[in-house]
C-alpha atoms as a PDB file:
ATOM      1  CA  MET A   1     155.667  30.060  94.665  1.00  0.00           C
ATOM      2  CA  ARG A   2     151.803  30.632  95.281  1.00  0.00           C
ATOM      3  CA  VAL A   3     151.959  33.570  97.178  1.00  0.00           C
ATOM      4  CA  ALA A   4     154.397  35.194  94.904  1.00  0.00           C
ATOM      5  CA  VAL A   5     151.837  34.136  91.869  1.00  0.00           C
ATOM      6  CA  ALA A   6     149.033  35.684  93.842  1.00  0.00           C
ATOM      7  CA  VAL A   7     150.799  39.139  94.630  1.00  0.00           C
ATOM      8  CA  ALA A   8     151.932  39.222  90.727  1.00  0.00           C
ATOM      9  CA  ALA A   9     148.417  38.809  89.925  1.00  0.00           C
ATOM     10  CA  LEU A  10     147.168  41.712  92.478  1.00  0.00           C
ATOM     11  CA  GLY A  11     149.806  43.755  91.363  1.00  0.00           C
ATOM     12  CA  ALA A  12     148.553  43.285  87.265  1.00  0.00           C
ATOM     13  CA  ALA A  13     144.952  43.551  88.525  1.00  0.00           C
ATOM     14  CA  VAL A  14     146.202  47.335  90.369  1.00  0.00           C
ATOM     15  CA  ASN A  15     147.702  48.625  87.269  1.00  0.00           C
ATOM     16  CA  VAL A  16     144.734  47.495  85.292  1.00  0.00           C
ATOM     17  CA  VAL A  17     142.439  49.563  87.314  1.00  0.00           C
ATOM     18  CA  ARG A  18     144.887  52.390  87.486  1.00  0.00           C
ATOM     19  CA  ALA A  19     144.978  52.410  83.616  1.00  0.00           C
ATOM     20  CA  ALA A  20     141.130  52.336  83.361  1.00  0.00           C
ATOM     21  CA  ASP A  21     140.729  55.350  85.682  1.00  0.00           C
ATOM     22  CA  LEU A  22     143.171  57.605  83.354  1.00  0.00           C
ATOM     23  CA  LEU A  23     141.272  59.912  81.097  1.00  0.00           C
ATOM     24  CA  PRO A  24     141.583  59.262  77.395  1.00  0.00           C
ATOM     25  CA  GLU A  25     142.745  61.470  75.035  1.00  0.00           C
ATOM     26  CA  ILE A  26     140.068  63.062  73.115  1.00  0.00           C
ATOM     27  CA  THR A  27     141.389  63.478  69.077  1.00  0.00           C
ATOM     28  CA  ASP A  28     138.436  64.363  67.322  1.00  0.00           C
ATOM     29  CA  ASN A  29     136.848  67.492  68.886  1.00  0.00           C
ATOM     30  CA  PRO A  30     134.399  69.411  66.386  1.00  0.00           C
ATOM     31  CA  LEU A  31     136.348  72.408  64.840  1.00  0.00           C
ATOM     32  CA  ASP A  32     133.468  74.465  64.192  1.00  0.00           C
ATOM     33  CA  VAL A  33     131.954  75.535  67.948  1.00  0.00           C
ATOM     34  CA  ILE A  34     133.054  77.755  70.621  1.00  0.00           C
ATOM     35  CA  TYR A  35     131.644  77.588  74.242  1.00  0.00           C
ATOM     36  CA  THR A  36     131.791  80.403  76.224  1.00  0.00           C
ATOM     37  CA  ALA A  37     131.035  81.248  79.968  1.00  0.00           C
ATOM     38  CA  THR A  38     130.732  84.869  81.173  1.00  0.00           C
ATOM     39  CA  LEU A  39     130.668  85.485  84.661  1.00  0.00           C
ATOM     40  CA  PRO A  40     127.704  87.262  85.986  1.00  0.00           C
ATOM     41  CA  GLN A  41     127.470  91.054  87.188  1.00  0.00           C
ATOM     42  CA  ASP A  42     126.578  89.870  90.830  1.00  0.00           C
ATOM     43  CA  PRO A  43     128.805  87.537  92.945  1.00  0.00           C
ATOM     44  CA  PHE A  44     127.012  84.306  94.583  1.00  0.00           C
ATOM     45  CA  PHE A  45     129.230  84.914  97.450  1.00  0.00           C
ATOM     46  CA  HIS A  46     130.304  88.460  98.680  1.00  0.00           C
ATOM     47  CA  ALA A  47     133.936  87.753  99.388  1.00  0.00           C
ATOM     48  CA  PRO A  48     135.878  90.246 101.801  1.00  0.00           C
ATOM     49  CA  GLU A  49     137.615  93.131  99.582  1.00  0.00           C
ATOM     50  CA  LEU A  50     135.610  92.179  96.411  1.00  0.00           C
ATOM     51  CA  ASP A  51     134.197  95.077  94.626  1.00  0.00           C
ATOM     52  CA  GLY A  52     131.155  94.036  92.844  1.00  0.00           C
ATOM     53  CA  ASN A  53     132.055  90.641  90.887  1.00  0.00           C
ATOM     54  CA  ILE A  54     134.747  89.052  89.420  1.00  0.00           C
ATOM     55  CA  ARG A  55     134.735  90.015  85.569  1.00  0.00           C
ATOM     56  CA  GLY A  56     135.594  87.814  82.756  1.00  0.00           C
ATOM     57  CA  PHE A  57     135.100  84.245  81.077  1.00  0.00           C
ATOM     58  CA  ILE A  58     136.021  81.091  79.838  1.00  0.00           C
ATOM     59  CA  SER A  59     136.355  80.474  76.204  1.00  0.00           C
ATOM     60  CA  ALA A  60     136.722  76.955  74.559  1.00  0.00           C
ATOM     61  CA  ALA A  61     137.312  75.735  71.296  1.00  0.00           C
ATOM     62  CA  ALA A  62     139.256  72.850  69.486  1.00  0.00           C
ATOM     63  CA  PRO A  63     142.602  73.467  68.061  1.00  0.00           C
ATOM     64  CA  PRO A  64     143.225  72.848  64.115  1.00  0.00           C
ATOM     65  CA  ASP A  65     144.115  69.293  64.873  1.00  0.00           C
ATOM     66  CA  GLY A  66     140.746  68.639  67.025  1.00  0.00           C
ATOM     67  CA  VAL A  67     143.209  66.993  69.748  1.00  0.00           C
ATOM     68  CA  GLY A  68     141.740  68.246  72.997  1.00  0.00           C
ATOM     69  CA  VAL A  69     140.120  71.902  73.719  1.00  0.00           C
ATOM     70  CA  ARG A  70     141.931  75.121  73.598  1.00  0.00           C
ATOM     71  CA  PHE A  71     140.844  77.244  76.834  1.00  0.00           C
ATOM     72  CA  THR A  72     141.176  80.881  76.854  1.00  0.00           C
ATOM     73  CA  VAL A  73     140.901  82.149  80.531  1.00  0.00           C
ATOM     74  CA  ARG A  74     140.375  85.790  81.419  1.00  0.00           C
ATOM     75  CA  PHE A  75     139.431  87.157  84.706  1.00  0.00           C
ATOM     76  CA  GLU A  76     139.849  90.542  86.337  1.00  0.00           C
ATOM     77  CA  ASN A  77     138.604  92.409  89.639  1.00  0.00           C
ATOM     78  CA  LEU A  78     139.740  89.633  92.070  1.00  0.00           C
ATOM     79  CA  PRO A  79     139.304  89.787  95.657  1.00  0.00           C
ATOM     80  CA  LYS A  80     142.404  91.511  97.321  1.00  0.00           C
ATOM     81  CA  THR A  81     142.252  88.719  99.839  1.00  0.00           C
ATOM     82  CA  GLY A  82     141.582  85.161 100.127  1.00  0.00           C
ATOM     83  CA  GLY A  83     143.635  83.693  97.122  1.00  0.00           C
ATOM     84  CA  PRO A  84     145.280  81.981  95.211  1.00  0.00           C
ATOM     85  CA  PHE A  85     142.049  81.151  93.622  1.00  0.00           C
ATOM     86  CA  PRO A  86     140.922  77.682  92.243  1.00  0.00           C
ATOM     87  CA  TYR A  87     138.667  77.361  89.362  1.00  0.00           C
ATOM     88  CA  HIS A  88     137.069  74.235  88.096  1.00  0.00           C
ATOM     89  CA  LEU A  89     134.437  72.700  85.806  1.00  0.00           C
ATOM     90  CA  HIS A  90     131.578  71.431  87.463  1.00  0.00           C
ATOM     91  CA  VAL A  91     129.016  68.757  86.519  1.00  0.00           C
ATOM     92  CA  ASN A  92     125.673  71.088  86.648  1.00  0.00           C
ATOM     93  CA  LYS A  93     124.604  74.262  85.573  1.00  0.00           C
ATOM     94  CA  ALA A  94     124.024  77.075  87.925  1.00  0.00           C
ATOM     95  CA  SER A  95     120.324  77.640  88.958  1.00  0.00           C
ATOM     96  CA  ASN A  96     119.425  81.237  88.725  1.00  0.00           C
ATOM     97  CA  GLY A  97     123.150  82.332  90.224  1.00  0.00           C
ATOM     98  CA  ASN A  98     123.219  79.581  92.710  1.00  0.00           C
ATOM     99  CA  CYS A  99     126.839  78.223  92.596  1.00  0.00           C
ATOM    100  CA  THR A 100     125.573  75.612  95.150  1.00  0.00           C
ATOM    101  CA  ALA A 101     123.663  74.170  92.557  1.00  0.00           C
ATOM    102  CA  THR A 102     126.384  73.372  90.249  1.00  0.00           C
ATOM    103  CA  GLY A 103     127.315  70.593  92.210  1.00  0.00           C
ATOM    104  CA  ALA A 104     130.748  68.714  92.300  1.00  0.00           C
ATOM    105  CA  HIS A 105     133.714  68.924  89.800  1.00  0.00           C
ATOM    106  CA  LEU A 106     133.431  67.265  86.493  1.00  0.00           C
ATOM    107  CA  ASP A 107     134.865  63.950  87.325  1.00  0.00           C
ATOM    108  CA  PRO A 108     133.800  61.025  85.239  1.00  0.00           C
ATOM    109  CA  THR A 109     136.418  58.491  86.700  1.00  0.00           C
ATOM    110  CA  ASN A 110     135.494  59.264  89.973  1.00  0.00           C
ATOM    111  CA  ARG A 111     138.721  60.174  91.361  1.00  0.00           C
ATOM    112  CA  GLY A 112     137.812  62.624  93.771  1.00  0.00           C
ATOM    113  CA  GLU A 113     139.612  65.495  94.866  1.00  0.00           C
ATOM    114  CA  LYS A 114     142.225  63.827  97.264  1.00  0.00           C
ATOM    115  CA  PRO A 115     145.215  63.397  96.599  1.00  0.00           C
ATOM    116  CA  PRO A 116     145.628  66.694  95.031  1.00  0.00           C
ATOM    117  CA  CYS A 117     145.866  66.631  91.199  1.00  0.00           C
ATOM    118  CA  ASP A 118     149.436  65.910  90.079  1.00  0.00           C
ATOM    119  CA  ALA A 119     149.871  68.446  87.028  1.00  0.00           C
ATOM    120  CA  GLY A 120     152.912  66.046  85.924  1.00  0.00           C
ATOM    121  CA  SER A 121     150.411  63.373  85.201  1.00  0.00           C
ATOM    122  CA  LEU A 122     147.307  65.109  83.662  1.00  0.00           C
ATOM    123  CA  PRO A 123     145.087  61.988  82.680  1.00  0.00           C
ATOM    124  CA  SER A 124     145.030  60.988  86.303  1.00  0.00           C
ATOM    125  CA  CYS A 125     143.553  64.410  87.580  1.00  0.00           C
ATOM    126  CA  GLN A 126     139.753  65.229  87.758  1.00  0.00           C
ATOM    127  CA  ALA A 127     138.576  66.291  84.055  1.00  0.00           C
ATOM    128  CA  GLY A 128     137.222  69.330  85.764  1.00  0.00           C
ATOM    129  CA  ASP A 129     140.342  70.296  87.929  1.00  0.00           C
ATOM    130  CA  LEU A 130     141.574  73.104  85.639  1.00  0.00           C
ATOM    131  CA  ALA A 131     143.384  75.030  88.489  1.00  0.00           C
ATOM    132  CA  GLY A 132     145.067  71.853  89.521  1.00  0.00           C
ATOM    133  CA  LYS A 133     146.427  70.941  85.958  1.00  0.00           C
ATOM    134  CA  TYR A 134     147.392  74.604  84.861  1.00  0.00           C
ATOM    135  CA  GLY A 135     147.463  76.904  88.010  1.00  0.00           C
ATOM    136  CA  LYS A 136     145.191  78.729  90.248  1.00  0.00           C
ATOM    137  CA  ILE A 137     144.500  82.390  89.507  1.00  0.00           C
ATOM    138  CA  THR A 138     147.280  84.313  91.264  1.00  0.00           C
ATOM    139  CA  SER A 139     147.128  87.604  89.342  1.00  0.00           C
ATOM    140  CA  ASP A 140     144.739  90.565  88.746  1.00  0.00           C
ATOM    141  CA  PRO A 141     144.184  90.303  85.681  1.00  0.00           C
ATOM    142  CA  PHE A 142     144.617  86.782  85.122  1.00  0.00           C
ATOM    143  CA  ILE A 143     144.843  85.714  81.532  1.00  0.00           C
ATOM    144  CA  VAL A 144     145.954  82.305  80.455  1.00  0.00           C
ATOM    145  CA  GLU A 145     145.459  79.884  77.410  1.00  0.00           C
ATOM    146  CA  TYR A 146     146.196  76.224  77.397  1.00  0.00           C
ATOM    147  CA  VAL A 147     145.039  73.198  75.523  1.00  0.00           C
ATOM    148  CA  ASP A 148     143.433  70.433  77.757  1.00  0.00           C
ATOM    149  CA  LYS A 149     143.777  66.953  75.684  1.00  0.00           C
ATOM    150  CA  PHE A 150     141.128  65.301  78.048  1.00  0.00           C
ATOM    151  CA  VAL A 151     137.882  66.948  77.622  1.00  0.00           C
ATOM    152  CA  SER A 152     135.259  67.071  75.046  1.00  0.00           C
ATOM    153  CA  LEU A 153     133.279  69.311  72.921  1.00  0.00           C
ATOM    154  CA  LYS A 154     131.120  66.647  71.472  1.00  0.00           C
ATOM    155  CA  GLU A 155     127.901  66.029  73.175  1.00  0.00           C
ATOM    156  CA  GLY A 156     127.489  62.973  74.969  1.00  0.00           C
ATOM    157  CA  ASP A 157     131.212  62.398  75.903  1.00  0.00           C
ATOM    158  CA  ALA A 158     131.754  61.780  79.443  1.00  0.00           C
ATOM    159  CA  THR A 159     133.971  64.801  79.681  1.00  0.00           C
ATOM    160  CA  PHE A 160     131.929  66.934  77.643  1.00  0.00           C
ATOM    161  CA  PHE A 161     131.461  70.196  79.306  1.00  0.00           C
ATOM    162  CA  GLY A 162     129.131  72.279  76.964  1.00  0.00           C
ATOM    163  CA  ASN A 163     126.185  72.107  79.189  1.00  0.00           C
ATOM    164  CA  ARG A 164     127.759  72.655  82.498  1.00  0.00           C
ATOM    165  CA  SER A 165     129.379  75.180  84.231  1.00  0.00           C
ATOM    166  CA  PHE A 166     132.493  76.695  86.032  1.00  0.00           C
ATOM    167  CA  VAL A 167     133.118  78.229  89.575  1.00  0.00           C
ATOM    168  CA  ILE A 168     135.716  80.051  91.292  1.00  0.00           C
ATOM    169  CA  HIS A 169     136.505  79.409  94.784  1.00  0.00           C
ATOM    170  CA  LEU A 170     138.327  81.340  97.413  1.00  0.00           C
ATOM    171  CA  ALA A 171     141.358  79.097  98.770  1.00  0.00           C
ATOM    172  CA  ASN A 172     139.175  77.953 101.262  1.00  0.00           C
ATOM    173  CA  SER A 173     137.029  76.256  98.765  1.00  0.00           C
ATOM    174  CA  THR A 174     134.011  78.700  99.313  1.00  0.00           C
ATOM    175  CA  ARG A 175     132.517  79.515  95.735  1.00  0.00           C
ATOM    176  CA  ILE A 176     132.501  83.008  94.883  1.00  0.00           C
ATOM    177  CA  THR A 177     130.896  82.913  91.391  1.00  0.00           C
ATOM    178  CA  CYS A 178     130.120  80.814  88.390  1.00  0.00           C
ATOM    179  CA  ALA A 179     128.887  80.781  84.996  1.00  0.00           C
ATOM    180  CA  ASP A 180     127.131  78.640  82.772  1.00  0.00           C
ATOM    181  CA  PHE A 181     128.558  77.566  79.089  1.00  0.00           C
ATOM    182  CA  VAL A 182     126.702  78.746  76.222  1.00  0.00           C
ATOM    183  CA  LYS A 183     127.439  77.261  72.501  1.00  0.00           C
ATOM    184  CA  ASN A 184     128.455  79.771  69.982  1.00  0.00           C
ATOM    185  CA  ASP A 185     128.556  78.920  66.193  1.00  0.00           C
ATOM    186  CA  PRO A 186     130.862  81.423  64.605  1.00  0.00           C
ATOM    187  CA  ASN A 187     132.112  81.264  61.026  1.00  0.00           C
ATOM    188  CA  ILE A 188     135.827  80.372  62.218  1.00  0.00           C
ATOM    189  CA  PRO A 189     137.944  79.366  59.300  1.00  0.00           C
ATOM    190  CA  HIS A 190     140.095  76.251  59.735  1.00  0.00           C
ATOM    191  CA  GLY A 191     143.663  76.358  59.063  1.00  0.00           C
ATOM    192  CA  ASP A 192     146.403  78.656  60.086  1.00  0.00           C
ATOM    193  CA  ASP A 193     143.931  81.698  60.547  1.00  0.00           C
ATOM    194  CA  GLN A 194     141.773  79.833  63.051  1.00  0.00           C
ATOM    195  CA  HIS A 195     143.062  81.039  66.165  1.00  0.00           C
ATOM    196  CA  ILE A 196     143.493  84.428  65.143  1.00  0.00           C
ATOM    197  CA  HIS A 197     139.580  84.717  64.132  1.00  0.00           C
ATOM    198  CA  TYR A 198     138.783  82.941  67.691  1.00  0.00           C
ATOM    199  CA  ILE A 199     140.515  85.350  69.722  1.00  0.00           C
ATOM    200  CA  HIS A 200     138.965  88.251  67.998  1.00  0.00           C
ATOM    201  CA  TYR A 201     135.627  86.421  68.297  1.00  0.00           C
ATOM    202  CA  ILE A 202     135.742  86.118  72.218  1.00  0.00           C
ATOM    203  CA  ASN A 203     136.995  89.358  72.643  1.00  0.00           C
ATOM    204  CA  LYS A 204     133.944  90.866  70.904  1.00  0.00           C
ATOM    205  CA  ILE A 205     131.603  88.539  73.069  1.00  0.00           C
ATOM    206  CA  TYR A 206     133.466  90.066  76.078  1.00  0.00           C
ATOM    207  CA  SER A 207     133.511  93.651  74.861  1.00  0.00           C
ATOM    208  CA  ASP A 208     129.709  93.712  74.091  1.00  0.00           C
ATOM    209  CA  ARG A 209     128.767  92.454  77.302  1.00  0.00           C
ATOM    210  CA  HIS A 210     131.175  94.393  79.503  1.00  0.00           C
ATOM    211  CA  GLY A 211     131.971  97.337  77.453  1.00  0.00           C
ATOM    212  CA  GLY A 212     135.632  96.826  77.004  1.00  0.00           C
ATOM    213  CA  LEU A 213     138.301  94.477  76.238  1.00  0.00           C
ATOM    214  CA  PHE A 214     141.209  93.032  79.078  1.00  0.00           C
END
């Protein structure tokens, strides 16, 4: 009887720990900011069959209800070999383009990279494992958009990434290129037209920096 009680208590404790390790849903992200990270002209690592550097950006803003973050991801000029290419939010900024300086993935629950993220259980994944949650880079150009409910645009939150970076890797985890997020304060109206204005804004950012749109 005592053994059964002890086992039940242990099971309950494990369930509590697992629940504590799940990322909380962020429901109050600010609606008036955009964070954008644009890749530099030169790569950190000259991957085989890469002409110059991967071009593109990740832009992030809250959806109209403030729940989670809407990511717009656009990359082109990928290496011809070495994929599929994972990409992640990392804990530090790049130091003068040094992608090693970005450190590890954003992971406030200390989950670690193993076992791999289960896309069917997003709260249990690393906060920064965008590729694990929403798919690796498998096409050129690569254009995707999704809402991640478990990261934050609020400074001070554990999953806030506006003062951090993202990194694109080869399939073998080599860091090809990286970029720091920068805060933008566009006048984006709330409501039904918010997303349209947001897309126009980030397209302008890319056009200004690269001389054209995707």
